[in-house]
Protein backbone atom coordinates (compact mmCIF):
# COMPACT_ATOMS: atom_id res chain seq x y z
CA UNK A 1 0.00 0.00 0.00
CA UNK A 2 2.86 2.39 0.76
CA UNK A 3 4.44 1.55 -2.59
CA UNK A 4 1.07 2.19 -4.25
CA UNK A 5 0.94 5.59 -2.57
CA UNK A 6 4.50 6.41 -3.61
CA UNK A 7 4.15 5.39 -7.26
CA UNK A 8 0.52 5.38 -8.43
CA UNK A 9 -0.51 8.38 -6.33
CA UNK A 10 2.88 10.10 -6.82
CA UNK A 11 3.45 10.66 -3.09
CA UNK A 12 7.07 9.52 -3.13
CA UNK A 13 8.29 13.12 -3.19
CA UNK A 14 6.27 13.95 -0.08
CA UNK A 15 7.56 10.88 1.76
CA UNK A 16 11.14 11.88 0.99
CA UNK A 17 10.75 15.63 1.64
CA UNK A 18 7.66 16.25 3.83
CA UNK A 19 8.85 19.64 5.11
CA UNK A 20 10.89 18.69 8.14
CA UNK A 21 11.41 21.64 10.47
CA UNK A 22 13.91 19.98 12.83
CA UNK A 23 17.29 21.68 12.99
CA UNK A 24 19.48 18.62 13.55
CA UNK A 25 17.47 15.55 12.55
CA UNK A 26 19.06 12.18 13.24
CA UNK A 27 16.08 10.00 12.24
CA UNK A 28 15.04 10.62 8.61
CA UNK A 29 11.69 12.35 8.15
CA UNK A 30 10.69 9.69 5.61
CA UNK A 31 10.78 7.03 8.32
CA UNK A 32 8.53 9.00 10.67
CA UNK A 33 5.96 9.91 8.01
CA UNK A 34 5.70 6.38 6.64
CA UNK A 35 5.43 5.00 10.18
CA UNK A 36 2.48 7.27 10.96
CA UNK A 37 0.65 6.59 7.70
CA UNK A 38 1.29 2.85 7.97
CA UNK A 39 0.03 2.84 11.55
CA UNK A 40 -3.14 4.72 10.57
CA UNK A 41 -3.78 2.05 7.93
CA UNK A 42 -3.54 -0.51 10.76
CA UNK A 43 -5.95 1.63 12.86
CA UNK A 44 -3.25 2.44 15.43
CA UNK A 45 -3.97 6.02 16.47
CA UNK A 46 -1.51 6.77 19.30
CA UNK A 47 2.20 7.49 19.31
CA UNK A 48 2.61 4.91 22.05
CA UNK A 49 0.99 2.32 19.79
CA UNK A 50 3.38 3.22 16.98
CA UNK A 51 6.34 2.86 19.37
CA UNK A 52 5.13 -0.60 20.34
CA UNK A 53 4.78 -1.58 16.68
CA UNK A 54 8.32 -0.41 15.92
CA UNK A 55 9.68 -2.23 18.96
CA UNK A 56 7.91 -5.45 17.94
CA UNK A 57 10.19 -5.88 14.93
CA UNK A 58 7.67 -5.25 12.11
CA UNK A 59 9.44 -2.14 10.88
CA UNK A 60 10.05 -3.53 7.39
CA UNK A 61 6.31 -4.00 6.88
CA UNK A 62 5.76 -0.38 7.88
CA UNK A 63 8.39 0.80 5.42
CA UNK A 64 10.89 2.00 8.02
CA UNK A 65 14.44 0.89 8.83
CA UNK A 66 15.19 2.31 12.28
CA UNK A 67 13.92 2.39 15.86
CA UNK A 68 12.44 5.41 17.63
CA UNK A 69 10.17 6.32 20.51
CA UNK A 70 6.91 8.25 20.82
CA UNK A 71 8.63 11.48 21.92
CA UNK A 72 10.46 11.50 18.58
CA UNK A 73 7.11 11.58 16.76
CA UNK A 74 5.84 14.37 19.02
CA UNK A 75 8.95 16.46 18.39
CA UNK A 76 8.75 15.80 14.64
CA UNK A 77 5.03 16.67 14.22
CA UNK A 78 5.37 19.84 16.27
CA UNK A 79 7.93 21.12 13.77
CA UNK A 80 6.66 19.70 10.46
CA UNK A 81 5.58 22.35 7.95
CA UNK A 82 1.87 22.19 7.13
CA UNK A 83 2.39 22.86 3.43
CA UNK A 84 3.82 19.38 2.79
CA UNK A 85 0.86 17.27 4.01
CA UNK A 86 -1.64 19.69 2.50
CA UNK A 87 0.02 19.56 -0.90
CA UNK A 88 0.16 15.76 -0.64
CA UNK A 89 -3.62 15.57 -0.09
CA UNK A 90 -4.32 17.90 -3.02
CA UNK A 91 -1.81 16.06 -5.21
CA UNK A 92 -3.36 12.67 -4.41
CA UNK A 93 -6.81 13.96 -5.41
CA UNK A 94 -5.49 15.39 -8.67
CA UNK A 95 -3.67 12.17 -9.46
CA UNK A 96 -6.80 10.15 -8.69
CA UNK A 97 -8.66 12.24 -11.25
CA UNK A 98 -5.91 11.63 -13.82
CA UNK A 99 -6.16 7.91 -13.05
CA UNK A 100 -9.87 7.99 -14.03
CA UNK A 101 -11.13 7.37 -10.50
CA UNK A 102 -14.07 9.72 -11.16
CA UNK A 103 -14.81 8.28 -14.59
CA UNK A 104 -18.55 8.17 -15.26
CA UNK A 105 -19.36 10.91 -12.75
CA UNK A 106 -21.38 13.67 -14.40
CA UNK A 107 -20.91 16.22 -11.63
CA UNK A 108 -18.64 16.09 -8.62
CA UNK A 109 -17.88 18.87 -6.22
CA UNK A 110 -16.66 19.86 -2.79
CA UNK A 111 -18.40 19.30 0.54
CA UNK A 112 -17.46 21.39 3.55
CA UNK A 113 -18.47 21.00 7.19
CA UNK A 114 -17.22 21.55 10.74
CA UNK A 115 -16.70 19.27 13.73
CA UNK A 116 -14.85 18.93 17.02
CA UNK A 117 -11.91 16.60 17.63
CA UNK A 118 -10.22 15.99 20.95
CA UNK A 119 -11.06 17.47 24.36
CA UNK A 120 -8.79 18.56 27.17
CA UNK A 121 -9.78 19.02 30.80
CA UNK A 122 -6.38 20.13 32.19
CA UNK A 123 -6.28 23.94 32.28
CA UNK A 124 -2.49 24.06 32.56
CA UNK A 125 -1.90 22.17 29.27
CA UNK A 126 -3.69 24.30 26.72
CA UNK A 127 -2.54 24.82 23.15
CA UNK A 128 -3.24 27.59 20.65
CA UNK A 129 -6.26 25.71 19.25
CA UNK A 130 -8.04 25.06 22.57
CA UNK A 131 -11.53 26.56 22.80
CA UNK A 132 -13.53 26.48 26.07
CA UNK A 133 -16.81 24.62 26.29
CA UNK A 134 -19.42 25.19 28.98
CA UNK A 135 -21.96 23.20 30.98
CA UNK A 136 -25.66 24.02 31.33
CA UNK A 137 -24.88 26.72 33.94
CA UNK A 138 -22.36 28.44 31.67
CA UNK A 139 -19.28 27.31 33.62
CA UNK A 140 -16.16 26.30 31.68
CA UNK A 141 -15.72 22.56 32.15
CA UNK A 142 -12.94 21.95 29.64
CA UNK A 143 -11.50 22.82 26.27
CA UNK A 144 -12.00 21.33 22.83
CA UNK A 145 -10.59 21.67 19.34
CA UNK A 146 -12.83 22.54 16.39
CA UNK A 147 -12.05 22.39 12.70
CA UNK A 148 -13.61 22.40 9.25
CA UNK A 149 -12.97 19.74 6.64
CA UNK A 150 -13.33 19.88 2.86
CA UNK A 151 -13.65 16.79 0.67
CA UNK A 152 -14.29 15.73 -2.92
CA UNK A 153 -17.78 14.22 -3.25
CA UNK A 154 -19.98 13.00 -6.06
CA UNK A 155 -17.94 10.03 -7.30
CA UNK A 156 -17.57 6.48 -6.08
CA UNK A 157 -14.76 7.56 -3.73
CA UNK A 158 -15.03 10.38 -1.19
CA UNK A 159 -11.59 11.96 -0.78
CA UNK A 160 -10.73 14.35 2.08
CA UNK A 161 -8.64 17.32 0.97
CA UNK A 162 -7.76 19.59 3.86
CA UNK A 163 -8.70 20.84 7.33
CA UNK A 164 -8.67 24.27 8.91
CA UNK A 165 -8.96 24.81 12.69
CA UNK A 166 -11.03 27.63 14.13
CA UNK A 167 -8.94 30.57 15.23
CA UNK A 168 -9.47 32.30 18.55
CA UNK A 169 -12.78 34.15 18.39
CA UNK A 170 -13.65 32.63 15.00
CA UNK A 171 -16.59 30.49 13.99
CA UNK A 172 -17.12 27.75 11.46
CA UNK A 173 -18.05 30.17 8.68
CA UNK A 174 -14.78 32.14 8.87
CA UNK A 175 -12.60 29.04 9.01
CA UNK A 176 -14.64 27.36 6.28
CA UNK A 177 -14.30 30.33 3.93
CA UNK A 178 -10.53 30.36 4.42
CA UNK A 179 -10.39 26.61 3.82
CA UNK A 180 -12.48 26.79 0.64
CA UNK A 181 -10.28 29.55 -0.79
CA UNK A 182 -7.09 27.59 -0.19
CA UNK A 183 -8.42 24.22 -1.44
CA UNK A 184 -10.21 25.52 -4.54
CA UNK A 185 -7.21 27.53 -5.69
CA UNK A 186 -4.87 24.59 -5.13
CA UNK A 187 -7.15 22.26 -7.10
CA UNK A 188 -7.51 24.60 -10.06
CA UNK A 189 -10.50 26.16 -11.83
CA UNK A 190 -11.88 23.03 -13.56
CA UNK A 191 -11.52 20.37 -10.88
CA UNK A 192 -14.95 20.70 -9.22
CA UNK A 193 -18.28 22.23 -10.21
CA UNK A 194 -20.14 22.99 -6.97
CA UNK A 195 -19.89 23.35 -3.20
CA UNK A 196 -22.44 21.67 -0.94
CA UNK A 197 -22.70 22.78 2.68
CA UNK A 198 -24.96 23.05 5.71
CA UNK A 199 -27.09 26.06 6.64
CA UNK A 200 -24.24 27.77 8.52
CA UNK A 201 -22.72 28.60 5.13
CA UNK A 202 -25.81 30.44 3.88
CA UNK A 203 -24.20 33.84 4.53
CA UNK A 204 -23.87 36.19 1.57
CA UNK A 205 -20.12 36.54 2.11
CA UNK A 206 -19.58 32.78 1.69
CA UNK A 207 -21.91 32.54 -1.32
CA UNK A 208 -20.08 35.44 -2.99
CA UNK A 209 -16.75 33.67 -2.40
CA UNK A 210 -18.11 30.47 -3.97
CA UNK A 211 -19.21 32.43 -7.05
CA UNK A 212 -15.85 34.23 -7.25
CA UNK A 213 -14.08 30.85 -7.35
CA UNK A 214 -16.16 29.81 -10.37
CA UNK A 215 -18.30 27.31 -8.43
CA UNK A 216 -22.01 26.85 -7.81
CA UNK A 217 -23.43 26.78 -4.29
CA UNK A 218 -25.87 24.17 -2.93
CA UNK A 219 -26.57 25.17 0.68
CA UNK A 220 -29.18 24.03 3.21
CA UNK A 221 -31.89 26.60 3.92
CA UNK A 222 -33.13 26.88 7.50
CA UNK A 223 -34.24 29.59 9.92
CA UNK A 224 -30.83 31.25 9.65
CA UNK A 225 -32.34 33.05 6.64
CA UNK A 226 -35.81 33.66 8.09
CA UNK A 227 -37.19 35.82 5.29
CA UNK A 228 -36.27 33.48 2.42
CA UNK A 229 -37.22 30.39 4.43
CA UNK A 230 -40.63 31.87 5.31
CA UNK A 231 -41.29 32.83 1.69
CA UNK A 232 -40.38 29.33 0.53
CA UNK A 233 -42.63 27.69 3.13
CA UNK A 234 -45.59 29.89 2.11
CA UNK A 235 -45.06 29.32 -1.61
CA UNK A 236 -44.74 25.55 -1.38
CA UNK A 237 -47.41 25.01 1.29
CA UNK A 238 -50.56 23.42 -0.09
CA UNK A 239 -49.05 23.18 -3.57
CA UNK A 240 -48.71 19.70 -5.07
CA UNK A 241 -45.21 18.41 -5.59
CA UNK A 242 -43.60 19.29 -8.91
CA UNK A 243 -42.07 15.83 -9.18
CA UNK A 244 -42.01 12.44 -7.50
CA UNK A 245 -38.99 10.18 -7.76
CA UNK A 246 -37.59 6.96 -6.31
CA UNK A 247 -34.40 7.30 -4.26
CA UNK A 248 -32.93 4.15 -2.70
CA UNK A 249 -36.37 2.55 -2.67
CA UNK A 250 -38.07 5.56 -1.04
CA UNK A 251 -40.72 7.77 -2.60
CA UNK A 252 -39.53 11.40 -2.62
CA UNK A 253 -41.63 14.50 -3.32
CA UNK A 254 -39.80 17.49 -4.80
CA UNK A 255 -40.79 21.17 -5.08
CA UNK A 256 -38.62 23.46 -7.18
CA UNK A 257 -38.77 27.20 -7.89
CA UNK A 258 -36.07 29.56 -9.18
CA UNK A 259 -38.06 32.80 -9.07
CA UNK A 260 -37.13 33.87 -5.51
CA UNK A 261 -35.59 37.29 -5.12
CA UNK A 262 -32.21 37.41 -3.33
CA UNK A 263 -32.12 38.98 0.10
CA UNK A 264 -30.41 42.29 0.76
CA UNK A 265 -26.64 41.93 0.54
CA UNK A 266 -26.66 39.00 -1.90
CA UNK A 267 -25.65 39.98 -5.43
CA UNK A 268 -27.17 36.96 -7.19
CA UNK A 269 -29.70 37.67 -9.93
CA UNK A 270 -32.05 34.98 -8.57
CA UNK A 271 -32.24 32.34 -5.85
CA UNK A 272 -33.51 28.86 -6.60
CA UNK A 273 -35.10 26.95 -3.71
CA UNK A 274 -35.54 23.18 -3.73
CA UNK A 275 -37.71 21.37 -1.22
CA UNK A 276 -37.91 17.61 -0.79
CA UNK A 277 -39.97 15.47 1.57
CA UNK A 278 -39.98 11.74 2.23
CA UNK A 279 -40.46 9.21 5.01
CA UNK A 280 -37.27 7.37 5.93
CA UNK A 281 -37.01 3.64 6.61
CA UNK A 282 -37.15 4.45 10.35
CA UNK A 283 -40.49 6.24 9.92
CA UNK A 284 -39.08 9.77 10.26
CA UNK A 285 -40.45 12.47 7.97
CA UNK A 286 -37.59 14.37 6.29
CA UNK A 287 -38.61 17.81 5.03
CA UNK A 288 -35.66 19.95 3.86
CA UNK A 289 -35.10 23.16 1.92
CA UNK A 290 -31.99 24.04 -0.11
CA UNK A 291 -30.89 27.18 -1.94
CA UNK A 292 -28.67 27.37 -5.00
CA UNK A 293 -27.63 29.55 -7.92
CA UNK A 294 -28.02 26.67 -10.39
CA UNK A 295 -30.72 27.45 -12.98
CA UNK A 296 -33.28 24.86 -14.06
CA UNK A 297 -31.86 25.00 -17.60
CA UNK A 298 -28.50 23.72 -16.29
CA UNK A 299 -29.59 21.05 -13.81
CA UNK A 300 -32.97 19.44 -13.20
CA UNK A 301 -34.82 18.90 -9.95
CA UNK A 302 -33.83 15.25 -9.47
CA UNK A 303 -30.15 15.90 -10.21
CA UNK A 304 -30.13 18.86 -7.81
CA UNK A 305 -31.73 16.69 -5.13
CA UNK A 306 -28.93 14.16 -5.54
CA UNK A 307 -26.30 16.90 -5.25
CA UNK A 308 -27.88 18.05 -1.99
CA UNK A 309 -27.74 14.52 -0.60
CA UNK A 310 -23.97 14.52 -1.24
CA UNK A 311 -23.66 16.76 1.80
CA UNK A 312 -23.89 13.65 4.00
CA UNK A 313 -20.84 12.00 2.42
CA UNK A 314 -18.48 14.20 4.43
CA UNK A 315 -20.37 13.21 7.59
CA UNK A 316 -20.65 9.47 7.00
CA UNK A 317 -17.47 8.77 5.04
CA UNK A 318 -15.40 11.63 6.46
CA UNK A 319 -15.97 12.46 10.11
CA UNK A 320 -17.49 9.11 11.11
CA UNK A 321 -14.67 7.06 9.58
CA UNK A 322 -11.98 9.41 10.85
CA UNK A 323 -13.27 9.36 14.42
CA UNK A 324 -14.57 5.82 14.81
CA UNK A 325 -11.94 3.97 12.77
CA UNK A 326 -8.84 6.16 12.65
CA UNK A 327 -8.89 7.78 16.09
CA UNK A 328 -9.33 11.42 15.10
CA UNK A 329 -10.58 12.22 18.61
CA UNK A 330 -7.31 11.09 20.18
CA UNK A 331 -4.72 13.76 21.02
CA UNK A 332 -1.29 12.26 20.33
CA UNK A 333 0.66 15.40 21.29
CA UNK A 334 -1.05 18.52 22.64
CA UNK A 335 0.57 21.11 20.42
CA UNK A 336 -1.22 23.26 17.83
CA UNK A 337 1.02 22.36 14.89
CA UNK A 338 1.22 18.70 15.91
CA UNK A 339 -2.57 18.48 16.06
CA UNK A 340 -3.02 19.84 12.53
CA UNK A 341 -0.24 17.64 11.17
CA UNK A 342 -1.84 14.62 12.83
CA UNK A 343 -5.24 15.39 11.26
CA UNK A 344 -3.69 15.90 7.82
CA UNK A 345 -1.70 12.65 7.94
CA UNK A 346 -4.80 10.83 9.15
CA UNK A 347 -6.84 12.13 6.20
CA UNK A 348 -4.03 11.23 3.81
CA UNK A 349 -4.03 7.67 5.20
CA UNK A 350 -7.81 7.50 4.85
CA UNK A 351 -7.59 8.57 1.22
CA UNK A 352 -4.80 6.09 0.44
CA UNK A 353 -6.77 3.22 1.99
CA UNK A 354 -9.94 4.15 0.12
CA UNK A 355 -8.27 4.49 -3.28
CA UNK A 356 -6.25 1.30 -2.81
CA UNK A 357 -9.23 -0.75 -1.65
CA UNK A 358 -11.96 0.54 -3.98
CA UNK A 359 -9.90 1.20 -7.12
CA UNK A 360 -6.64 -0.77 -7.10
CA UNK A 361 -7.80 -4.05 -5.51
CA UNK A 362 -11.13 -3.87 -7.35
CA UNK A 363 -9.56 -4.10 -10.80
CA UNK A 364 -10.92 -6.65 -13.27
CA UNK A 365 -13.23 -9.25 -11.77
CA UNK A 366 -11.95 -8.95 -8.19
CA UNK A 367 -14.74 -8.27 -5.68
CA UNK A 368 -14.70 -5.13 -3.59
CA UNK A 369 -12.99 -5.71 -0.23
CA UNK A 370 -14.52 -4.23 2.91
CA UNK A 371 -12.46 -1.90 5.09
CA UNK A 372 -12.66 -4.32 8.03
CA UNK A 373 -11.34 -7.24 5.97
CA UNK A 374 -8.51 -5.15 4.57
CA UNK A 375 -7.31 -4.24 8.07
CA UNK A 376 -7.18 -7.93 8.99
CA UNK A 377 -5.17 -8.67 5.84
CA UNK A 378 -2.74 -5.87 6.67
CA UNK A 379 -2.19 -7.18 10.19
CA UNK A 380 -1.63 -10.71 8.84
CA UNK A 381 0.89 -9.32 6.35
CA UNK A 382 2.99 -7.99 9.25
CA UNK A 383 3.39 -11.46 10.74
CA UNK A 384 6.95 -12.67 10.42
CA UNK A 385 7.12 -16.22 9.02
CA UNK A 386 8.62 -18.69 11.44
CA UNK A 387 11.78 -20.41 10.22
CA UNK A 388 12.05 -24.13 11.01
CA UNK A 389 15.39 -25.86 11.36
CA UNK A 390 15.18 -28.91 9.09
CA UNK A 391 18.88 -29.92 9.31
């Protein structure tokens, strides 16, 4: 898998020169980066776990040739430049597109969302990314770290691209705008077509930035825009659905109207609002509104509905996998730079695993391997064969 990442995904340059900031390194940076990515592929999320793996004698399987301890990884990540891992994530996505990973996809875009990762209760060990959280009485009970993630969605493989932590006094919208600017410019003008996001990104400033980057916006509409939301509710209430479709075996009703006037401060010529309603398999009624600058002549109601549903890919295949399988909640070293580096290397490992499993191993007539089975195969591959004396 590491050879696949180095050659097919063209990550060999990053492995060799990741942006080491140490002044007098004695252990090569390549060894430490490959050890972390290899350990993430094995679902080992702590530096102590990596140290135990290295000490167990399986270093060749991890692609490393020396011994080190967990404090070496902490020192290394605290000084690694962020540009290296970020460029590796962008480069892997571009190379995946060149390798026809998204072949057959009519439209794919970028999904952006925020989350929290890692909490700290010790007040004396805070880092530059720590943000206080409060109990029901308003008392500070600890600190947490919050970040936004951006990912490529719309194809058969969801690929994470980058993360951006919230600055002091910032919210998700500010960090998300900064993240979108950096990722979209690094990808280039013709990589993606749209941005799908939750209602927090319905601000005019964010929508203007999406338009300036040459992208379309597909954003959830809730009470954060009370005037537009109220107008949409009144217009669609009591009116029969414009279309009924089947989506994953569920009957979906769709209302669609592009004649809404933009609110004050939004420079769009029109606002299109899509509403869909269905009853889920659990019996819950889902009734959602979305706004966009796509016109009906460019994309139909059913296709727009499917773009809106892509918003959940970053939740289910991004945050859920990163936290439940790769240990994103774990704080390996409580330092601001080390935290960001850890998140970026984790996302890079997630992308490598997904491309290797769903595209490389799935070639020809080979069946698609599940993530759980692949982990077992990787652990079995680390086992050293026993040598029997037959003399």
